Amino acid sequence: MTAQLYCFGESGNAYKAALTMQLSGYDWQPVYVDFFNGASRTPEFLALNEMGEAPVLVEGDLTLTQSCVIQLHVAERTGKFLGGDRSEVLRWLFWDAQKGSGQQGGLRFLMNFVPAEKRPQPAIDWLSMRVQTALGTLDRHLAGRDWMVGDAPSIADFACCGYLYYPEPFGFDRKARPNIDRWLENIAALPGWKHPYDLMPGHPSDRAAK
């Protein structure tokens, strides 16, 4: 049975789920959510996910929301990318949701997808400091490590990298964070890896052309 992942290319949270499915060899296909034109707020979408968020996984009678839940489901079904220490994997999944992607996504959105004249600079300044602090934590953790947990890639890696391959600026400079840069290269070298804009439908240029 082919699973459907409701997603869109600009979403780092959707990318976490999509990348886990892609690298696990899961049988899946993307379903485009036209987020920027309000698709996630329609009654049809809210019936799938009352939170009005992507990603959503639909697999037969099973519907799952929240990227980390989808990642865990895929890892448990396939037996891949669970890591050696489950508590450590979960620790970094939760850290990413609060400190990593949870802040990077909001900052990137405010700096790139909100019209320039409407961007709330005080909020951007505050989030920027938070994001830099979290990036420092991640870079220090990866010093001397190839992967987030143990000696092999896990869903912790695919969670914490969710927003770090995107080209839109939000204060992340790969070359200024050498341990993160090396780790991102490790992930991108895994068989089947794809950039978020190649893995999922939707791209800022698609909207600009309309």
Protein backbone atom coordinates (compact mmCIF):
# COMPACT_ATOMS: atom_id res chain seq x y z
CA MET A 1 0.00 0.00 0.00
CA THR A 2 1.41 3.35 -1.03
CA ALA A 3 1.36 5.89 1.78
CA GLN A 4 0.45 9.48 0.98
CA LEU A 5 2.34 12.34 2.56
CA TYR A 6 0.57 15.68 2.44
CA CYS A 7 3.40 18.15 2.15
CA PHE A 8 4.89 21.12 0.31
CA GLY A 9 8.45 21.90 -0.72
CA GLU A 10 8.94 24.95 1.48
CA SER A 11 8.17 23.06 4.70
CA GLY A 12 11.16 21.83 6.66
CA ASN A 13 8.86 19.92 8.96
CA ALA A 14 7.39 18.05 6.00
CA TYR A 15 10.92 17.46 4.75
CA LYS A 16 11.82 15.64 7.97
CA ALA A 17 9.06 13.11 7.32
CA ALA A 18 9.64 12.91 3.57
CA LEU A 19 13.39 12.41 3.95
CA THR A 20 12.87 9.63 6.49
CA MET A 21 10.49 7.86 4.10
CA GLN A 22 12.80 8.40 1.13
CA LEU A 23 15.94 7.08 2.80
CA SER A 24 14.06 4.15 4.36
CA GLY A 25 12.79 2.96 0.99
CA TYR A 26 9.22 3.43 2.19
CA ASP A 27 6.42 3.10 -0.37
CA TRP A 28 5.12 6.66 -0.45
CA GLN A 29 4.05 9.49 -2.69
CA PRO A 30 3.72 13.23 -2.00
CA VAL A 31 0.38 15.03 -2.11
CA TYR A 32 0.84 18.76 -2.61
CA VAL A 33 -0.64 21.09 0.00
CA ASP A 34 -0.97 24.62 -1.43
CA PHE A 35 -0.21 26.13 1.95
CA PHE A 36 0.34 29.69 0.77
CA ASN A 37 -3.09 29.79 -0.83
CA GLY A 38 -4.85 28.52 2.28
CA ALA A 39 -5.15 24.82 1.48
CA SER A 40 -4.31 23.77 5.04
CA ARG A 41 -7.24 25.80 6.39
CA THR A 42 -9.94 24.21 4.24
CA PRO A 43 -12.58 21.97 5.85
CA GLU A 44 -11.22 19.03 3.85
CA PHE A 45 -7.71 19.44 5.18
CA LEU A 46 -8.84 20.18 8.73
CA ALA A 47 -10.71 16.88 8.63
CA LEU A 48 -7.30 15.22 8.12
CA ASN A 49 -5.50 17.35 10.69
CA GLU A 50 -7.38 19.61 13.05
CA MET A 51 -4.15 21.54 13.64
CA GLY A 52 -4.12 22.72 10.03
CA GLU A 53 -0.48 21.74 9.55
CA ALA A 54 1.62 19.67 7.18
CA PRO A 55 2.87 17.00 7.08
CA VAL A 56 0.06 14.48 7.30
CA LEU A 57 0.60 10.79 6.56
CA VAL A 58 -2.37 8.79 5.27
CA GLU A 59 -1.84 5.05 4.95
CA GLY A 60 -5.03 3.06 4.54
CA ASP A 61 -7.11 3.65 7.66
CA LEU A 62 -4.16 5.23 9.47
CA THR A 63 -3.69 9.00 9.63
CA LEU A 64 -0.69 10.48 11.42
CA THR A 65 0.28 14.09 11.99
CA GLN A 66 3.41 15.79 13.38
CA SER A 67 6.69 15.06 11.66
CA CYS A 68 8.32 13.27 14.59
CA VAL A 69 5.37 10.89 14.95
CA ILE A 70 5.57 10.08 11.24
CA GLN A 71 9.33 9.56 11.50
CA LEU A 72 8.92 7.15 14.40
CA HIS A 73 6.18 5.26 12.55
CA VAL A 74 8.36 4.81 9.47
CA ALA A 75 11.43 3.83 11.48
CA GLU A 76 9.49 1.27 13.50
CA ARG A 77 7.82 -0.18 10.40
CA THR A 78 11.08 -0.53 8.49
CA GLY A 79 13.47 -1.17 11.35
CA LYS A 80 15.76 1.52 9.92
CA PHE A 81 17.28 4.66 11.40
CA LEU A 82 16.18 4.02 14.99
CA GLY A 83 19.64 4.59 16.42
CA GLY A 84 21.39 2.68 19.17
CA ASP A 85 20.02 4.64 22.11
CA ARG A 86 16.31 5.31 21.79
CA SER A 87 16.29 7.80 24.66
CA GLU A 88 18.98 9.85 22.92
CA VAL A 89 17.10 9.74 19.63
CA LEU A 90 13.94 10.97 21.34
CA ARG A 91 15.87 13.62 23.24
CA TRP A 92 17.07 15.17 19.99
CA LEU A 93 13.68 14.82 18.30
CA PHE A 94 12.12 16.80 21.14
CA TRP A 95 14.98 19.31 21.21
CA ASP A 96 14.57 19.92 17.51
CA ALA A 97 10.84 20.46 17.81
CA GLN A 98 11.35 23.15 20.46
CA LYS A 99 14.81 24.64 19.88
CA GLY A 100 15.79 23.66 16.34
CA SER A 101 13.18 23.48 13.59
CA GLY A 102 10.62 24.96 15.95
CA GLN A 103 12.50 28.28 15.83
CA GLN A 104 14.27 28.08 12.48
CA GLY A 105 11.02 27.57 10.61
CA GLY A 106 9.37 30.62 12.12
CA LEU A 107 12.39 32.83 11.51
CA ARG A 108 12.79 31.69 7.91
CA PHE A 109 9.10 32.32 7.28
CA LEU A 110 9.22 35.85 8.71
CA MET A 111 12.39 36.74 6.81
CA ASN A 112 11.41 35.32 3.42
CA PHE A 113 7.70 34.63 2.99
CA VAL A 114 6.11 37.59 4.75
CA PRO A 115 5.99 40.73 2.54
CA ALA A 116 8.95 42.98 3.37
CA GLU A 117 6.74 45.84 4.55
CA LYS A 118 4.96 43.55 7.03
CA ARG A 119 7.94 41.81 8.58
CA PRO A 120 8.00 42.26 12.38
CA GLN A 121 11.61 43.26 12.98
CA PRO A 122 11.51 42.95 16.81
CA ALA A 123 10.27 39.37 16.49
CA ILE A 124 12.90 38.63 13.85
CA ASP A 125 15.64 40.02 16.10
CA TRP A 126 14.48 37.98 19.09
CA LEU A 127 14.12 34.75 17.10
CA SER A 128 17.50 35.31 15.46
CA MET A 129 19.23 35.23 18.84
CA ARG A 130 17.37 32.06 19.80
CA VAL A 131 18.25 30.38 16.51
CA GLN A 132 21.94 31.25 16.84
CA THR A 133 22.02 29.82 20.36
CA ALA A 134 20.45 26.57 19.16
CA LEU A 135 22.79 26.33 16.18
CA GLY A 136 25.69 26.70 18.60
CA THR A 137 24.36 23.80 20.65
CA LEU A 138 24.02 21.65 17.55
CA ASP A 139 27.49 22.52 16.25
CA ARG A 140 29.10 21.71 19.60
CA HIS A 141 27.27 18.40 19.83
CA LEU A 142 28.52 17.39 16.39
CA ALA A 143 32.17 18.12 17.18
CA GLY A 144 33.99 14.82 16.65
CA ARG A 145 30.77 13.08 15.60
CA ASP A 146 29.52 11.91 12.23
CA TRP A 147 25.92 11.49 13.42
CA MET A 148 23.61 12.85 16.11
CA VAL A 149 23.34 9.57 18.03
CA GLY A 150 25.82 6.70 17.95
CA ASP A 151 27.79 5.60 14.91
CA ALA A 152 25.05 5.53 12.27
CA PRO A 153 22.40 7.87 10.87
CA SER A 154 19.06 7.96 12.61
CA ILE A 155 15.79 9.85 12.53
CA ALA A 156 17.43 12.31 14.94
CA ASP A 157 19.66 13.39 12.06
CA PHE A 158 16.73 13.74 9.67
CA ALA A 159 14.82 15.79 12.24
CA CYS A 160 17.60 18.19 13.14
CA CYS A 161 18.55 18.90 9.51
CA GLY A 162 14.99 19.78 8.49
CA TYR A 163 15.55 23.46 7.68
CA LEU A 164 19.29 23.49 7.09
CA TYR A 165 19.43 22.68 3.37
CA TYR A 166 17.15 25.53 2.27
CA PRO A 167 18.66 28.43 0.33
CA GLU A 168 16.49 31.18 1.86
CA PRO A 169 18.50 33.17 4.43
CA PHE A 170 17.65 33.03 8.12
CA GLY A 171 21.06 33.60 9.67
CA PHE A 172 22.47 30.11 9.11
CA ASP A 173 25.93 30.14 7.53
CA ARG A 174 27.17 26.60 6.93
CA LYS A 175 30.80 27.64 6.68
CA ALA A 176 30.60 29.39 10.05
CA ARG A 177 29.37 26.13 11.60
CA PRO A 178 31.95 23.59 10.38
CA ASN A 179 30.64 20.65 12.37
CA ILE A 180 27.11 21.18 11.08
CA ASP A 181 28.47 21.64 7.55
CA ARG A 182 30.34 18.33 7.68
CA TRP A 183 27.31 16.54 9.13
CA LEU A 184 25.02 17.92 6.40
CA GLU A 185 27.47 16.60 3.83
CA ASN A 186 27.27 13.18 5.52
CA ILE A 187 23.48 13.15 5.27
CA ALA A 188 23.50 14.34 1.66
CA ALA A 189 25.86 11.47 0.78
CA LEU A 190 23.35 8.83 1.91
CA PRO A 191 21.89 6.77 -0.97
CA GLY A 192 18.59 8.27 -2.12
CA TRP A 193 19.04 11.69 -0.49
CA LYS A 194 17.27 14.57 -2.19
CA HIS A 195 17.09 18.29 -1.53
CA PRO A 196 13.68 19.36 -0.14
CA TYR A 197 12.74 21.19 -3.35
CA ASP A 198 13.49 18.02 -5.33
CA LEU A 199 11.81 15.63 -2.92
CA MET A 200 8.50 17.45 -2.42
CA PRO A 201 6.26 19.46 -4.76
CA GLY A 202 6.16 23.23 -4.48
CA HIS A 203 8.86 25.89 -4.68
CA PRO A 204 8.84 29.65 -4.08
CA SER A 205 9.56 30.25 -7.78
CA ASP A 206 6.39 28.34 -8.67
CA ARG A 207 4.32 30.84 -6.70
CA ALA A 208 6.25 33.82 -8.04
CA ALA A 209 5.48 32.75 -11.58
CA LYS A 210 1.73 32.72 -11.04
